[in-house]
């Protein structure tokens, strides 16, 4: 059957199938590339730096914002803490990066991989702690990263401030003892 100056419609069927296959293949490849590109880097220090740069105030914000970059266990603990802390002081009483209520992190902030087994890594963050114009001291926090296999993205699993105490364990312990129904 001919339509005006066009080709027969049965002749167009293989071309249409080919175009559909090409479009589907391109979409599938772009989705696959997106999945592969989801891990911005395999370097634990770069992952830790990115987390700090983008989420320095993670402990007081809705954890849903960082769910994709933290482990499910840390998400559960932070979610519980976030729900509890609406107008209240719960497990987190100080900045987990500094273990202090006052002061701030100065510059430069450096990140160095301390250990890396391929599925677990720890990264040391070193920074000047600034209490006021005259009091500065070097401090360290450690981020603990995990992933299921070497092909997966690194996820933040825990943070230990300068005192070396696990943020994750502190939150879990506090909520077990005082958290009630949360």
C-alpha atoms as a PDB file:
ATOM      1  CA  UNK A   1       0.000   0.000   0.000  1.00  0.00           C
ATOM      2  CA  UNK A   2       1.336   3.425  -0.968  1.00  0.00           C
ATOM      3  CA  UNK A   3       0.601   6.726   0.705  1.00  0.00           C
ATOM      4  CA  UNK A   4       1.306   9.596  -1.662  1.00  0.00           C
ATOM      5  CA  UNK A   5       5.003   9.730  -2.504  1.00  0.00           C
ATOM      6  CA  UNK A   6       6.007   7.509   0.400  1.00  0.00           C
ATOM      7  CA  UNK A   7       7.327   3.983   0.493  1.00  0.00           C
ATOM      8  CA  UNK A   8       5.091   1.017   1.097  1.00  0.00           C
ATOM      9  CA  UNK A   9       4.236   0.729   4.831  1.00  0.00           C
ATOM     10  CA  UNK A  10       5.456  -2.884   4.995  1.00  0.00           C
ATOM     11  CA  UNK A  11       8.862  -1.634   3.843  1.00  0.00           C
ATOM     12  CA  UNK A  12       8.947   0.831   6.763  1.00  0.00           C
ATOM     13  CA  UNK A  13       8.416  -1.839   9.415  1.00  0.00           C
ATOM     14  CA  UNK A  14      12.058  -3.058   9.539  1.00  0.00           C
ATOM     15  CA  UNK A  15      13.274   0.550   9.635  1.00  0.00           C
ATOM     16  CA  UNK A  16      10.875   1.403  12.477  1.00  0.00           C
ATOM     17  CA  UNK A  17      11.984  -1.700  14.401  1.00  0.00           C
ATOM     18  CA  UNK A  18      15.621  -0.718  13.876  1.00  0.00           C
ATOM     19  CA  UNK A  19      14.953   2.837  15.095  1.00  0.00           C
ATOM     20  CA  UNK A  20      13.076   1.520  18.131  1.00  0.00           C
ATOM     21  CA  UNK A  21      15.952  -0.867  18.892  1.00  0.00           C
ATOM     22  CA  UNK A  22      18.496   1.952  18.582  1.00  0.00           C
ATOM     23  CA  UNK A  23      16.451   4.233  20.871  1.00  0.00           C
ATOM     24  CA  UNK A  24      15.993   1.440  23.439  1.00  0.00           C
ATOM     25  CA  UNK A  25      19.706   0.565  23.303  1.00  0.00           C
ATOM     26  CA  UNK A  26      20.703   4.197  23.779  1.00  0.00           C
ATOM     27  CA  UNK A  27      18.355   4.572  26.743  1.00  0.00           C
ATOM     28  CA  UNK A  28      19.579   1.342  28.288  1.00  0.00           C
ATOM     29  CA  UNK A  29      23.223   2.340  27.820  1.00  0.00           C
ATOM     30  CA  UNK A  30      22.639   5.777  29.290  1.00  0.00           C
ATOM     31  CA  UNK A  31      20.942   4.207  32.307  1.00  0.00           C
ATOM     32  CA  UNK A  32      23.820   1.733  32.642  1.00  0.00           C
ATOM     33  CA  UNK A  33      26.347   4.554  32.292  1.00  0.00           C
ATOM     34  CA  UNK A  34      24.425   6.474  34.961  1.00  0.00           C
ATOM     35  CA  UNK A  35      24.661   3.505  37.297  1.00  0.00           C
ATOM     36  CA  UNK A  36      28.362   3.137  36.602  1.00  0.00           C
ATOM     37  CA  UNK A  37      28.936   6.855  36.968  1.00  0.00           C
ATOM     38  CA  UNK A  38      27.054   6.901  40.289  1.00  0.00           C
ATOM     39  CA  UNK A  39      30.352   6.405  42.111  1.00  0.00           C
ATOM     40  CA  UNK A  40      32.110   9.691  41.571  1.00  0.00           C
ATOM     41  CA  UNK A  41      35.391   8.193  42.789  1.00  0.00           C
ATOM     42  CA  UNK A  42      36.867   5.028  44.250  1.00  0.00           C
ATOM     43  CA  UNK A  43      39.251   6.999  46.489  1.00  0.00           C
ATOM     44  CA  UNK A  44      38.090   6.862  50.135  1.00  0.00           C
ATOM     45  CA  UNK A  45      39.752  10.206  50.966  1.00  0.00           C
ATOM     46  CA  UNK A  46      37.923  11.903  48.087  1.00  0.00           C
ATOM     47  CA  UNK A  47      34.622  10.339  49.220  1.00  0.00           C
ATOM     48  CA  UNK A  48      35.173  11.597  52.784  1.00  0.00           C
ATOM     49  CA  UNK A  49      36.112  15.077  51.552  1.00  0.00           C
ATOM     50  CA  UNK A  50      33.019  15.211  49.366  1.00  0.00           C
ATOM     51  CA  UNK A  51      30.812  14.121  52.270  1.00  0.00           C
ATOM     52  CA  UNK A  52      32.266  16.777  54.566  1.00  0.00           C
ATOM     53  CA  UNK A  53      32.090  19.491  51.896  1.00  0.00           C
ATOM     54  CA  UNK A  54      28.467  18.770  50.986  1.00  0.00           C
ATOM     55  CA  UNK A  55      27.125  17.618  54.361  1.00  0.00           C
ATOM     56  CA  UNK A  56      29.165  19.220  57.158  1.00  0.00           C
ATOM     57  CA  UNK A  57      25.961  19.747  59.187  1.00  0.00           C
ATOM     58  CA  UNK A  58      24.549  16.274  58.493  1.00  0.00           C
ATOM     59  CA  UNK A  59      23.949  15.498  62.165  1.00  0.00           C
ATOM     60  CA  UNK A  60      21.336  18.241  62.549  1.00  0.00           C
ATOM     61  CA  UNK A  61      19.653  17.880  59.154  1.00  0.00           C
ATOM     62  CA  UNK A  62      17.058  15.475  57.834  1.00  0.00           C
ATOM     63  CA  UNK A  63      18.988  12.261  57.095  1.00  0.00           C
ATOM     64  CA  UNK A  64      16.817  11.634  54.029  1.00  0.00           C
ATOM     65  CA  UNK A  65      19.097  14.176  52.292  1.00  0.00           C
ATOM     66  CA  UNK A  66      22.090  11.855  52.685  1.00  0.00           C
ATOM     67  CA  UNK A  67      20.436   8.435  52.569  1.00  0.00           C
ATOM     68  CA  UNK A  68      22.164   7.582  49.282  1.00  0.00           C
ATOM     69  CA  UNK A  69      25.670   8.153  50.696  1.00  0.00           C
ATOM     70  CA  UNK A  70      25.425   6.520  54.138  1.00  0.00           C
ATOM     71  CA  UNK A  71      24.888   2.944  55.284  1.00  0.00           C
ATOM     72  CA  UNK A  72      21.406   1.816  56.271  1.00  0.00           C
ATOM     73  CA  UNK A  73      22.547   1.386  59.894  1.00  0.00           C
ATOM     74  CA  UNK A  74      23.817   4.965  60.089  1.00  0.00           C
ATOM     75  CA  UNK A  75      20.672   6.192  58.357  1.00  0.00           C
ATOM     76  CA  UNK A  76      18.487   4.422  60.940  1.00  0.00           C
ATOM     77  CA  UNK A  77      20.443   5.954  63.815  1.00  0.00           C
ATOM     78  CA  UNK A  78      20.425   9.460  62.328  1.00  0.00           C
ATOM     79  CA  UNK A  79      16.747   9.199  61.418  1.00  0.00           C
ATOM     80  CA  UNK A  80      15.880   8.222  64.970  1.00  0.00           C
ATOM     81  CA  UNK A  81      18.013  11.078  66.304  1.00  0.00           C
ATOM     82  CA  UNK A  82      16.472  13.591  63.883  1.00  0.00           C
ATOM     83  CA  UNK A  83      12.937  12.635  64.935  1.00  0.00           C
ATOM     84  CA  UNK A  84      13.882  12.853  68.612  1.00  0.00           C
ATOM     85  CA  UNK A  85      15.756  16.149  68.305  1.00  0.00           C
ATOM     86  CA  UNK A  86      12.847  18.246  67.039  1.00  0.00           C
ATOM     87  CA  UNK A  87      13.051  20.859  69.788  1.00  0.00           C
ATOM     88  CA  UNK A  88      14.905  18.523  72.163  1.00  0.00           C
ATOM     89  CA  UNK A  89      18.498  17.545  72.871  1.00  0.00           C
ATOM     90  CA  UNK A  90      18.903  13.840  72.358  1.00  0.00           C
ATOM     91  CA  UNK A  91      22.023  11.748  71.757  1.00  0.00           C
ATOM     92  CA  UNK A  92      24.031  14.361  69.842  1.00  0.00           C
ATOM     93  CA  UNK A  93      24.991  17.186  72.189  1.00  0.00           C
ATOM     94  CA  UNK A  94      28.014  18.509  70.290  1.00  0.00           C
ATOM     95  CA  UNK A  95      29.315  18.846  66.761  1.00  0.00           C
ATOM     96  CA  UNK A  96      30.410  15.277  65.892  1.00  0.00           C
ATOM     97  CA  UNK A  97      33.323  16.577  63.805  1.00  0.00           C
ATOM     98  CA  UNK A  98      34.843  18.491  66.735  1.00  0.00           C
ATOM     99  CA  UNK A  99      33.257  16.884  69.825  1.00  0.00           C
ATOM    100  CA  UNK A 100      32.594  20.458  70.992  1.00  0.00           C
ATOM    101  CA  UNK A 101      29.616  22.769  71.376  1.00  0.00           C
ATOM    102  CA  UNK A 102      31.688  25.891  70.723  1.00  0.00           C
ATOM    103  CA  UNK A 103      34.404  26.627  68.219  1.00  0.00           C
ATOM    104  CA  UNK A 104      34.720  25.816  64.552  1.00  0.00           C
ATOM    105  CA  UNK A 105      36.784  24.006  61.974  1.00  0.00           C
ATOM    106  CA  UNK A 106      39.365  26.259  60.373  1.00  0.00           C
ATOM    107  CA  UNK A 107      41.355  25.833  57.178  1.00  0.00           C
ATOM    108  CA  UNK A 108      43.082  23.927  55.785  1.00  0.00           C
ATOM    109  CA  UNK A 109      41.117  20.714  56.167  1.00  0.00           C
ATOM    110  CA  UNK A 110      42.957  17.660  54.843  1.00  0.00           C
ATOM    111  CA  UNK A 111      41.806  14.096  54.216  1.00  0.00           C
ATOM    112  CA  UNK A 112      44.059  11.032  54.153  1.00  0.00           C
ATOM    113  CA  UNK A 113      43.141   7.380  53.791  1.00  0.00           C
ATOM    114  CA  UNK A 114      44.348   5.605  56.941  1.00  0.00           C
ATOM    115  CA  UNK A 115      43.252   2.085  55.951  1.00  0.00           C
ATOM    116  CA  UNK A 116      41.534   0.420  53.000  1.00  0.00           C
ATOM    117  CA  UNK A 117      40.665  -3.284  52.774  1.00  0.00           C
ATOM    118  CA  UNK A 118      38.638  -2.808  49.593  1.00  0.00           C
ATOM    119  CA  UNK A 119      35.292  -3.054  51.423  1.00  0.00           C
ATOM    120  CA  UNK A 120      36.102  -1.035  54.564  1.00  0.00           C
ATOM    121  CA  UNK A 121      38.171   2.114  54.786  1.00  0.00           C
ATOM    122  CA  UNK A 122      38.964   4.784  57.328  1.00  0.00           C
ATOM    123  CA  UNK A 123      39.857   8.347  56.448  1.00  0.00           C
ATOM    124  CA  UNK A 124      41.479  10.830  58.793  1.00  0.00           C
ATOM    125  CA  UNK A 125      40.307  14.419  58.539  1.00  0.00           C
ATOM    126  CA  UNK A 126      42.834  16.862  60.043  1.00  0.00           C
ATOM    127  CA  UNK A 127      41.904  20.472  60.714  1.00  0.00           C
ATOM    128  CA  UNK A 128      42.690  23.425  62.954  1.00  0.00           C
ATOM    129  CA  UNK A 129      40.085  23.726  65.699  1.00  0.00           C
ATOM    130  CA  UNK A 130      39.404  27.416  66.271  1.00  0.00           C
ATOM    131  CA  UNK A 131      37.919  28.354  69.625  1.00  0.00           C
ATOM    132  CA  UNK A 132      38.649  32.068  69.334  1.00  0.00           C
ATOM    133  CA  UNK A 133      41.162  34.373  67.636  1.00  0.00           C
ATOM    134  CA  UNK A 134      44.049  33.161  69.775  1.00  0.00           C
ATOM    135  CA  UNK A 135      43.245  29.509  70.432  1.00  0.00           C
ATOM    136  CA  UNK A 136      43.890  27.131  67.524  1.00  0.00           C
ATOM    137  CA  UNK A 137      44.881  23.488  67.800  1.00  0.00           C
ATOM    138  CA  UNK A 138      45.158  20.640  65.327  1.00  0.00           C
ATOM    139  CA  UNK A 139      42.473  17.983  65.687  1.00  0.00           C
ATOM    140  CA  UNK A 140      41.379  14.904  63.812  1.00  0.00           C
ATOM    141  CA  UNK A 141      38.133  13.162  63.080  1.00  0.00           C
ATOM    142  CA  UNK A 142      37.883   9.776  61.391  1.00  0.00           C
ATOM    143  CA  UNK A 143      35.270   8.744  58.870  1.00  0.00           C
ATOM    144  CA  UNK A 144      34.602   5.039  58.450  1.00  0.00           C
ATOM    145  CA  UNK A 145      33.434   3.917  55.021  1.00  0.00           C
ATOM    146  CA  UNK A 146      31.951   0.621  53.871  1.00  0.00           C
ATOM    147  CA  UNK A 147      30.772  -1.044  50.696  1.00  0.00           C
ATOM    148  CA  UNK A 148      29.493  -4.533  49.882  1.00  0.00           C
ATOM    149  CA  UNK A 149      32.064  -5.248  47.182  1.00  0.00           C
ATOM    150  CA  UNK A 150      34.912  -3.471  45.452  1.00  0.00           C
ATOM    151  CA  UNK A 151      32.551  -2.611  42.579  1.00  0.00           C
ATOM    152  CA  UNK A 152      30.114  -0.719  44.814  1.00  0.00           C
ATOM    153  CA  UNK A 153      30.246   2.903  45.939  1.00  0.00           C
ATOM    154  CA  UNK A 154      31.700   3.836  49.303  1.00  0.00           C
ATOM    155  CA  UNK A 155      29.127   4.746  51.966  1.00  0.00           C
ATOM    156  CA  UNK A 156      29.789   6.597  55.209  1.00  0.00           C
ATOM    157  CA  UNK A 157      29.186   4.180  58.086  1.00  0.00           C
ATOM    158  CA  UNK A 158      30.440   6.114  61.093  1.00  0.00           C
ATOM    159  CA  UNK A 159      32.356   9.116  62.346  1.00  0.00           C
ATOM    160  CA  UNK A 160      34.665   9.360  65.336  1.00  0.00           C
ATOM    161  CA  UNK A 161      35.502  12.850  66.548  1.00  0.00           C
ATOM    162  CA  UNK A 162      38.747  13.869  68.267  1.00  0.00           C
ATOM    163  CA  UNK A 163      37.876  11.814  71.368  1.00  0.00           C
ATOM    164  CA  UNK A 164      37.694   8.693  69.211  1.00  0.00           C
ATOM    165  CA  UNK A 165      34.125   7.799  70.149  1.00  0.00           C
ATOM    166  CA  UNK A 166      31.830   6.257  67.547  1.00  0.00           C
ATOM    167  CA  UNK A 167      28.951   8.564  66.624  1.00  0.00           C
ATOM    168  CA  UNK A 168      26.894   5.583  65.473  1.00  0.00           C
ATOM    169  CA  UNK A 169      27.386   3.627  68.690  1.00  0.00           C
ATOM    170  CA  UNK A 170      26.724   6.719  70.827  1.00  0.00           C
ATOM    171  CA  UNK A 171      23.401   7.384  69.097  1.00  0.00           C
ATOM    172  CA  UNK A 172      22.343   3.732  69.294  1.00  0.00           C
ATOM    173  CA  UNK A 173      23.308   3.471  72.961  1.00  0.00           C
ATOM    174  CA  UNK A 174      21.512   6.700  73.929  1.00  0.00           C
ATOM    175  CA  UNK A 175      18.306   5.696  72.144  1.00  0.00           C
ATOM    176  CA  UNK A 176      18.425   2.218  73.680  1.00  0.00           C
ATOM    177  CA  UNK A 177      18.716   3.714  77.151  1.00  0.00           C
ATOM    178  CA  UNK A 178      16.613   6.873  76.860  1.00  0.00           C
ATOM    179  CA  UNK A 179      14.893   6.853  73.476  1.00  0.00           C
ATOM    180  CA  UNK A 180      11.705   5.107  74.473  1.00  0.00           C
ATOM    181  CA  UNK A 181       9.466   4.405  71.519  1.00  0.00           C
ATOM    182  CA  UNK A 182      11.496   6.115  68.828  1.00  0.00           C
END
